[in-house]
Amino acid sequence: MRLDLDREHLSALWQRQWPMGPPIAHELRAAYSDRWVRSHSLPGSKRYPETEDEYAVVLDRNNTVLDEFFAGSDVYVVTTAWSSEPNGPECPTRRREVHADGSPWTTIANEADPDPEFHTYTHLYADHRPWQRGSIDGILREIAADALSGVLATDAGLQRIHHPYDGGADVILTTPEERDRVQEPSYGLTLAASDRPVNRGSRDSPQRSGRSSNLATSHVVGLLCVASD
């Protein structure tokens, strides 16, 4: 069952709950580093699953964390696509297939460069649903295979954010104290305790500032298109 998506409400709630950053994963973990924790999806910090057994581990670990935070509640699921024109073809095309219920939420424009050739647009799609274990397994598999990125799952009040990526998941909690509790072994996370946010680009969002970075942005958007075809 899907719930109605109120875009204006979601945008206003985001501004209230996360005023220091847009719904872009790597920007959030930098802005809220004191509330951020990272987990790995496979033993030995292996990045990509190669067998169905390893995919099962990835799905189980992600769902265990999602259950911990969202069981019995409603959630927003947000997926991301990019384009080089405001209404141009979006990549990756697989996003539409695995998140068919996602409705357009907002578009973030990166038009800092005076040359339109280097402009990029981040398109966010969201749906509102009761959380159910396994309900986003199709999305999680695409992420694990490095075919989808920039995905966020959050409760209806936008208090906690779960961002799965190829290799693990970033979680942003309500307070530094909750972050510390989540790092306890009882939570069962395979933590990358030494990981800390760094000021660099991420495949989660190809947005950068400046001409040289925008050139990289255009290249990343192109790679996403090729990879998803």
C-alpha atoms as a PDB file:
ATOM      1  CA  MET A   1       0.000   0.000   0.000  1.00  0.00           C
ATOM      2  CA  ARG A   2       1.281   3.424  -0.944  1.00  0.00           C
ATOM      3  CA  LEU A   3       0.251   6.606   0.840  1.00  0.00           C
ATOM      4  CA  ASP A   4      -0.345   9.955  -0.834  1.00  0.00           C
ATOM      5  CA  LEU A   5       2.801  12.036  -1.294  1.00  0.00           C
ATOM      6  CA  ASP A   6       2.431  15.652  -0.183  1.00  0.00           C
ATOM      7  CA  ARG A   7       5.445  17.279  -1.853  1.00  0.00           C
ATOM      8  CA  GLU A   8       5.032  20.645  -0.163  1.00  0.00           C
ATOM      9  CA  HIS A   9       4.751  19.029   3.259  1.00  0.00           C
ATOM     10  CA  LEU A  10       7.805  16.871   2.592  1.00  0.00           C
ATOM     11  CA  SER A  11       9.867  19.841   1.450  1.00  0.00           C
ATOM     12  CA  ALA A  12       8.851  21.967   4.433  1.00  0.00           C
ATOM     13  CA  LEU A  13       9.547  19.093   6.821  1.00  0.00           C
ATOM     14  CA  TRP A  14      12.958  18.564   5.269  1.00  0.00           C
ATOM     15  CA  GLN A  15      13.875  22.212   5.735  1.00  0.00           C
ATOM     16  CA  ARG A  16      12.830  22.018   9.366  1.00  0.00           C
ATOM     17  CA  GLN A  17      14.562  18.734  10.203  1.00  0.00           C
ATOM     18  CA  TRP A  18      17.704  19.005   8.053  1.00  0.00           C
ATOM     19  CA  PRO A  19      18.386  22.735   7.542  1.00  0.00           C
ATOM     20  CA  MET A  20      22.121  22.209   7.024  1.00  0.00           C
ATOM     21  CA  GLY A  21      21.881  20.114   3.891  1.00  0.00           C
ATOM     22  CA  PRO A  22      19.747  19.055   0.907  1.00  0.00           C
ATOM     23  CA  PRO A  23      18.586  15.431   0.433  1.00  0.00           C
ATOM     24  CA  ILE A  24      22.000  14.520  -1.001  1.00  0.00           C
ATOM     25  CA  ALA A  25      23.651  11.716   0.941  1.00  0.00           C
ATOM     26  CA  HIS A  26      27.295  12.795   0.969  1.00  0.00           C
ATOM     27  CA  GLU A  27      26.371  16.380   1.851  1.00  0.00           C
ATOM     28  CA  LEU A  28      24.245  15.201   4.757  1.00  0.00           C
ATOM     29  CA  ARG A  29      26.910  13.021   6.314  1.00  0.00           C
ATOM     30  CA  ALA A  30      29.358  15.919   6.114  1.00  0.00           C
ATOM     31  CA  ALA A  31      26.891  18.404   7.626  1.00  0.00           C
ATOM     32  CA  TYR A  32      25.795  16.026  10.390  1.00  0.00           C
ATOM     33  CA  SER A  33      28.997  14.096  10.991  1.00  0.00           C
ATOM     34  CA  ASP A  34      28.420  13.994  14.762  1.00  0.00           C
ATOM     35  CA  ARG A  35      25.244  11.962  14.155  1.00  0.00           C
ATOM     36  CA  TRP A  36      26.550   9.761  11.348  1.00  0.00           C
ATOM     37  CA  VAL A  37      27.568   6.113  11.491  1.00  0.00           C
ATOM     38  CA  ARG A  38      28.535   3.740   8.698  1.00  0.00           C
ATOM     39  CA  SER A  39      28.034   0.004   8.390  1.00  0.00           C
ATOM     40  CA  HIS A  40      29.448  -2.478   5.905  1.00  0.00           C
ATOM     41  CA  SER A  41      27.206  -4.943   4.114  1.00  0.00           C
ATOM     42  CA  LEU A  42      29.583  -7.873   3.676  1.00  0.00           C
ATOM     43  CA  PRO A  43      32.191  -9.520   5.903  1.00  0.00           C
ATOM     44  CA  GLY A  44      35.699  -8.210   5.484  1.00  0.00           C
ATOM     45  CA  SER A  45      34.295  -4.943   4.094  1.00  0.00           C
ATOM     46  CA  LYS A  46      33.895  -6.616   0.701  1.00  0.00           C
ATOM     47  CA  ARG A  47      32.225  -4.104  -1.569  1.00  0.00           C
ATOM     48  CA  TYR A  48      30.263  -6.063  -4.168  1.00  0.00           C
ATOM     49  CA  PRO A  49      28.296  -9.322  -3.748  1.00  0.00           C
ATOM     50  CA  GLU A  50      29.160 -12.006  -6.275  1.00  0.00           C
ATOM     51  CA  THR A  51      26.747 -14.791  -5.345  1.00  0.00           C
ATOM     52  CA  GLU A  52      23.113 -15.056  -4.324  1.00  0.00           C
ATOM     53  CA  ASP A  53      24.269 -15.970  -0.827  1.00  0.00           C
ATOM     54  CA  GLU A  54      26.179 -12.700  -0.621  1.00  0.00           C
ATOM     55  CA  TYR A  55      23.191 -10.769  -1.947  1.00  0.00           C
ATOM     56  CA  ALA A  56      21.126 -12.408   0.794  1.00  0.00           C
ATOM     57  CA  VAL A  57      23.613 -11.128   3.395  1.00  0.00           C
ATOM     58  CA  VAL A  58      23.428  -7.591   1.966  1.00  0.00           C
ATOM     59  CA  LEU A  59      19.632  -7.598   2.016  1.00  0.00           C
ATOM     60  CA  ASP A  60      19.438  -9.080   5.506  1.00  0.00           C
ATOM     61  CA  ARG A  61      21.866  -6.570   7.010  1.00  0.00           C
ATOM     62  CA  ASN A  62      20.109  -3.603   5.416  1.00  0.00           C
ATOM     63  CA  ASN A  63      16.667  -4.841   6.411  1.00  0.00           C
ATOM     64  CA  THR A  64      17.815  -5.506   9.963  1.00  0.00           C
ATOM     65  CA  VAL A  65      18.878  -1.873  10.355  1.00  0.00           C
ATOM     66  CA  LEU A  66      15.756  -0.596   8.596  1.00  0.00           C
ATOM     67  CA  ASP A  67      13.582  -2.724  10.894  1.00  0.00           C
ATOM     68  CA  GLU A  68      15.424  -1.372  13.918  1.00  0.00           C
ATOM     69  CA  PHE A  69      14.548   2.201  13.040  1.00  0.00           C
ATOM     70  CA  PHE A  70      11.308   1.991  11.063  1.00  0.00           C
ATOM     71  CA  ALA A  71       9.355  -1.145  12.060  1.00  0.00           C
ATOM     72  CA  GLY A  72       5.702  -0.315  12.653  1.00  0.00           C
ATOM     73  CA  SER A  73       5.946   3.148  11.115  1.00  0.00           C
ATOM     74  CA  ASP A  74       5.542   4.877   7.764  1.00  0.00           C
ATOM     75  CA  VAL A  75       8.578   5.805   5.707  1.00  0.00           C
ATOM     76  CA  TYR A  76       9.610   7.883   2.747  1.00  0.00           C
ATOM     77  CA  VAL A  77      11.755   6.169   0.135  1.00  0.00           C
ATOM     78  CA  VAL A  78      13.703   8.571  -2.074  1.00  0.00           C
ATOM     79  CA  THR A  79      15.562   7.649  -5.255  1.00  0.00           C
ATOM     80  CA  THR A  80      17.736   9.853  -7.434  1.00  0.00           C
ATOM     81  CA  ALA A  81      18.380  10.397 -11.133  1.00  0.00           C
ATOM     82  CA  TRP A  82      20.531  12.910 -12.962  1.00  0.00           C
ATOM     83  CA  SER A  83      20.360  14.756 -16.252  1.00  0.00           C
ATOM     84  CA  SER A  84      22.375  17.340 -18.147  1.00  0.00           C
ATOM     85  CA  GLU A  85      19.250  19.335 -19.066  1.00  0.00           C
ATOM     86  CA  PRO A  86      16.319  20.326 -16.819  1.00  0.00           C
ATOM     87  CA  ASN A  87      13.897  18.076 -18.712  1.00  0.00           C
ATOM     88  CA  GLY A  88      16.416  15.906 -20.506  1.00  0.00           C
ATOM     89  CA  PRO A  89      16.886  12.136 -20.401  1.00  0.00           C
ATOM     90  CA  GLU A  90      17.570  10.908 -16.888  1.00  0.00           C
ATOM     91  CA  CYS A  91      20.092   8.354 -15.734  1.00  0.00           C
ATOM     92  CA  PRO A  92      20.159   5.713 -14.502  1.00  0.00           C
ATOM     93  CA  THR A  93      17.135   4.460 -16.408  1.00  0.00           C
ATOM     94  CA  ARG A  94      16.833   1.520 -14.008  1.00  0.00           C
ATOM     95  CA  ARG A  95      15.558   3.905 -11.350  1.00  0.00           C
ATOM     96  CA  ARG A  96      12.138   4.014 -12.988  1.00  0.00           C
ATOM     97  CA  GLU A  97      11.920   0.231 -13.061  1.00  0.00           C
ATOM     98  CA  VAL A  98      12.807  -0.480  -9.442  1.00  0.00           C
ATOM     99  CA  HIS A  99      11.000   2.540  -7.983  1.00  0.00           C
ATOM    100  CA  ALA A 100       7.901   2.664 -10.130  1.00  0.00           C
ATOM    101  CA  ASP A 101       5.914   4.152  -7.241  1.00  0.00           C
ATOM    102  CA  GLY A 102       8.278   7.085  -6.877  1.00  0.00           C
ATOM    103  CA  SER A 103       6.672  10.432  -7.677  1.00  0.00           C
ATOM    104  CA  PRO A 104       8.632  13.547  -8.625  1.00  0.00           C
ATOM    105  CA  TRP A 105       9.520  15.409  -5.438  1.00  0.00           C
ATOM    106  CA  THR A 106      12.053  18.087  -6.331  1.00  0.00           C
ATOM    107  CA  THR A 107      14.933  18.913  -8.654  1.00  0.00           C
ATOM    108  CA  ILE A 108      18.205  20.418  -7.474  1.00  0.00           C
ATOM    109  CA  ALA A 109      19.965  22.435 -10.173  1.00  0.00           C
ATOM    110  CA  ASN A 110      23.718  22.863 -10.355  1.00  0.00           C
ATOM    111  CA  GLU A 111      24.040  25.832 -12.696  1.00  0.00           C
ATOM    112  CA  ALA A 112      27.005  27.610 -11.140  1.00  0.00           C
ATOM    113  CA  ASP A 113      29.134  27.374 -14.272  1.00  0.00           C
ATOM    114  CA  PRO A 114      28.372  30.066 -16.900  1.00  0.00           C
ATOM    115  CA  ASP A 115      28.643  27.411 -19.610  1.00  0.00           C
ATOM    116  CA  PRO A 116      25.350  25.447 -19.825  1.00  0.00           C
ATOM    117  CA  GLU A 117      27.326  22.442 -21.052  1.00  0.00           C
ATOM    118  CA  PHE A 118      28.453  21.898 -17.478  1.00  0.00           C
ATOM    119  CA  HIS A 119      25.049  22.236 -15.828  1.00  0.00           C
ATOM    120  CA  THR A 120      23.557  19.171 -14.134  1.00  0.00           C
ATOM    121  CA  TYR A 121      20.241  18.441 -12.472  1.00  0.00           C
ATOM    122  CA  THR A 122      19.524  16.063  -9.609  1.00  0.00           C
ATOM    123  CA  HIS A 123      15.967  14.722  -9.716  1.00  0.00           C
ATOM    124  CA  LEU A 124      14.521  13.288  -6.510  1.00  0.00           C
ATOM    125  CA  TYR A 125      11.586  10.877  -6.521  1.00  0.00           C
ATOM    126  CA  ALA A 126       9.747   9.820  -3.371  1.00  0.00           C
ATOM    127  CA  ASP A 127       7.005   7.553  -2.175  1.00  0.00           C
ATOM    128  CA  HIS A 128       5.308   7.322   1.207  1.00  0.00           C
ATOM    129  CA  ARG A 129       4.553   3.822   2.496  1.00  0.00           C
ATOM    130  CA  PRO A 130       4.177   1.730   5.653  1.00  0.00           C
ATOM    131  CA  TRP A 131       7.553   0.120   6.307  1.00  0.00           C
ATOM    132  CA  GLN A 132       7.655  -3.586   5.552  1.00  0.00           C
ATOM    133  CA  ARG A 133      10.758  -5.742   5.656  1.00  0.00           C
ATOM    134  CA  GLY A 134      11.850  -6.637   2.132  1.00  0.00           C
ATOM    135  CA  SER A 135       9.736  -3.943   0.481  1.00  0.00           C
ATOM    136  CA  ILE A 136      12.746  -2.192  -1.071  1.00  0.00           C
ATOM    137  CA  ASP A 137      14.832  -5.309  -1.798  1.00  0.00           C
ATOM    138  CA  GLY A 138      14.712  -4.569  -5.529  1.00  0.00           C
ATOM    139  CA  ILE A 139      16.226  -1.139  -4.887  1.00  0.00           C
ATOM    140  CA  LEU A 140      18.811  -2.562  -2.486  1.00  0.00           C
ATOM    141  CA  ARG A 141      19.943  -5.137  -5.062  1.00  0.00           C
ATOM    142  CA  GLU A 142      20.479  -2.413  -7.667  1.00  0.00           C
ATOM    143  CA  ILE A 143      22.509  -0.404  -5.173  1.00  0.00           C
ATOM    144  CA  ALA A 144      24.615  -3.427  -4.238  1.00  0.00           C
ATOM    145  CA  ALA A 145      25.373  -3.970  -7.933  1.00  0.00           C
ATOM    146  CA  ASP A 146      26.415  -0.310  -8.323  1.00  0.00           C
ATOM    147  CA  ALA A 147      23.521   0.331 -10.716  1.00  0.00           C
ATOM    148  CA  LEU A 148      21.670   2.833  -8.494  1.00  0.00           C
ATOM    149  CA  SER A 149      22.789   5.431  -5.968  1.00  0.00           C
ATOM    150  CA  GLY A 150      21.597   8.404  -3.967  1.00  0.00           C
ATOM    151  CA  VAL A 151      18.819   6.454  -2.230  1.00  0.00           C
ATOM    152  CA  LEU A 152      17.430   7.547   1.142  1.00  0.00           C
ATOM    153  CA  ALA A 153      14.923   5.916   3.482  1.00  0.00           C
ATOM    154  CA  THR A 154      13.541   7.945   6.373  1.00  0.00           C
ATOM    155  CA  ASP A 155      10.643   7.856   8.808  1.00  0.00           C
ATOM    156  CA  ALA A 156       7.562  10.008   8.291  1.00  0.00           C
ATOM    157  CA  GLY A 157       8.958  12.621  10.680  1.00  0.00           C
ATOM    158  CA  LEU A 158      12.355  12.681   8.926  1.00  0.00           C
ATOM    159  CA  GLN A 159      14.138  12.026  12.205  1.00  0.00           C
ATOM    160  CA  ARG A 160      16.522   9.288  11.015  1.00  0.00           C
ATOM    161  CA  ILE A 161      18.004   8.666   7.587  1.00  0.00           C
ATOM    162  CA  HIS A 162      19.256   5.393   6.136  1.00  0.00           C
ATOM    163  CA  HIS A 163      21.361   5.685   2.988  1.00  0.00           C
ATOM    164  CA  PRO A 164      22.401   2.369   1.436  1.00  0.00           C
ATOM    165  CA  TYR A 165      25.343   2.483  -0.949  1.00  0.00           C
ATOM    166  CA  ASP A 166      27.373  -0.129  -2.808  1.00  0.00           C
ATOM    167  CA  GLY A 167      29.275  -1.705   0.069  1.00  0.00           C
ATOM    168  CA  GLY A 168      27.271  -0.623   3.100  1.00  0.00           C
ATOM    169  CA  ALA A 169      24.998   2.026   4.519  1.00  0.00           C
ATOM    170  CA  ASP A 170      25.259   5.441   6.123  1.00  0.00           C
ATOM    171  CA  VAL A 171      22.837   6.179   8.943  1.00  0.00           C
ATOM    172  CA  ILE A 172      22.204   9.623  10.408  1.00  0.00           C
ATOM    173  CA  LEU A 173      20.584   9.573  13.831  1.00  0.00           C
ATOM    174  CA  THR A 174      18.716  12.088  15.934  1.00  0.00           C
ATOM    175  CA  THR A 175      21.555  12.952  18.331  1.00  0.00           C
ATOM    176  CA  PRO A 176      25.248  12.185  18.895  1.00  0.00           C
ATOM    177  CA  GLU A 177      24.176  10.121  21.911  1.00  0.00           C
ATOM    178  CA  GLU A 178      21.962   7.903  19.760  1.00  0.00           C
ATOM    179  CA  ARG A 179      24.806   7.557  17.298  1.00  0.00           C
ATOM    180  CA  ASP A 180      27.016   6.276  20.119  1.00  0.00           C
ATOM    181  CA  ARG A 181      24.379   3.739  21.182  1.00  0.00           C
ATOM    182  CA  VAL A 182      24.013   2.466  17.621  1.00  0.00           C
ATOM    183  CA  GLN A 183      27.739   1.743  17.537  1.00  0.00           C
ATOM    184  CA  GLU A 184      27.378  -0.751  20.371  1.00  0.00           C
ATOM    185  CA  PRO A 185      27.887  -4.400  19.296  1.00  0.00           C
ATOM    186  CA  SER A 186      24.319  -5.230  20.333  1.00  0.00           C
ATOM    187  CA  TYR A 187      23.073  -3.455  17.215  1.00  0.00           C
ATOM    188  CA  GLY A 188      24.865  -6.022  15.063  1.00  0.00           C
ATOM    189  CA  LEU A 189      26.278  -3.536  12.576  1.00  0.00           C
ATOM    190  CA  THR A 190      29.555  -4.218  10.808  1.00  0.00           C
ATOM    191  CA  LEU A 191      30.872  -0.754  11.497  1.00  0.00           C
ATOM    192  CA  ALA A 192      33.549   1.159   9.679  1.00  0.00           C
ATOM    193  CA  ALA A 193      34.440   3.084  12.794  1.00  0.00           C
ATOM    194  CA  SER A 194      37.414   4.850  11.242  1.00  0.00           C
ATOM    195  CA  ASP A 195      35.381   6.275   8.370  1.00  0.00           C
ATOM    196  CA  ARG A 196      34.766   9.996   8.618  1.00  0.00           C
ATOM    197  CA  PRO A 197      33.201  12.430   6.159  1.00  0.00           C
ATOM    198  CA  VAL A 198      35.635  14.049   3.779  1.00  0.00           C
ATOM    199  CA  ASN A 199      35.170  17.011   1.514  1.00  0.00           C
ATOM    200  CA  ARG A 200      35.202  15.234  -1.813  1.00  0.00           C
ATOM    201  CA  GLY A 201      32.721  14.296  -4.492  1.00  0.00           C
ATOM    202  CA  SER A 202      30.659  11.135  -4.381  1.00  0.00           C
ATOM    203  CA  ARG A 203      28.899   9.014  -6.929  1.00  0.00           C
ATOM    204  CA  ASP A 204      25.839   9.520  -4.756  1.00  0.00           C
ATOM    205  CA  SER A 205      25.568  12.961  -6.297  1.00  0.00           C
ATOM    206  CA  PRO A 206      27.677  14.187  -9.189  1.00  0.00           C
ATOM    207  CA  GLN A 207      27.144  17.794  -8.189  1.00  0.00           C
ATOM    208  CA  ARG A 208      30.380  19.740  -7.744  1.00  0.00           C
ATOM    209  CA  SER A 209      31.313  23.407  -7.903  1.00  0.00           C
ATOM    210  CA  GLY A 210      33.582  25.017 -10.474  1.00  0.00           C
ATOM    211  CA  ARG A 211      34.341  24.278 -14.119  1.00  0.00           C
ATOM    212  CA  SER A 212      36.745  21.378 -13.590  1.00  0.00           C
ATOM    213  CA  SER A 213      34.332  19.719 -11.179  1.00  0.00           C
ATOM    214  CA  ASN A 214      31.408  20.278 -13.518  1.00  0.00           C
ATOM    215  CA  LEU A 215      33.401  18.593 -16.277  1.00  0.00           C
ATOM    216  CA  ALA A 216      33.679  15.594 -13.961  1.00  0.00           C
ATOM    217  CA  THR A 217      29.953  15.902 -13.297  1.00  0.00           C
ATOM    218  CA  SER A 218      29.110  15.667 -16.988  1.00  0.00           C
ATOM    219  CA  HIS A 219      31.397  12.648 -17.274  1.00  0.00           C
ATOM    220  CA  VAL A 220      29.705  10.922 -14.324  1.00  0.00           C
ATOM    221  CA  VAL A 221      26.232  11.555 -15.751  1.00  0.00           C
ATOM    222  CA  GLY A 222      27.429  10.019 -19.005  1.00  0.00           C
ATOM    223  CA  LEU A 223      28.829   6.990 -17.232  1.00  0.00           C
ATOM    224  CA  LEU A 224      25.563   6.483 -15.387  1.00  0.00           C
ATOM    225  CA  CYS A 225      23.672   6.508 -18.682  1.00  0.00           C
ATOM    226  CA  VAL A 226      26.029   3.996 -20.276  1.00  0.00           C
ATOM    227  CA  ALA A 227      26.062   1.743 -17.223  1.00  0.00           C
ATOM    228  CA  SER A 228      22.291   1.602 -17.004  1.00  0.00           C
ATOM    229  CA  ASP A 229      21.541   0.934 -20.682  1.00  0.00           C
END
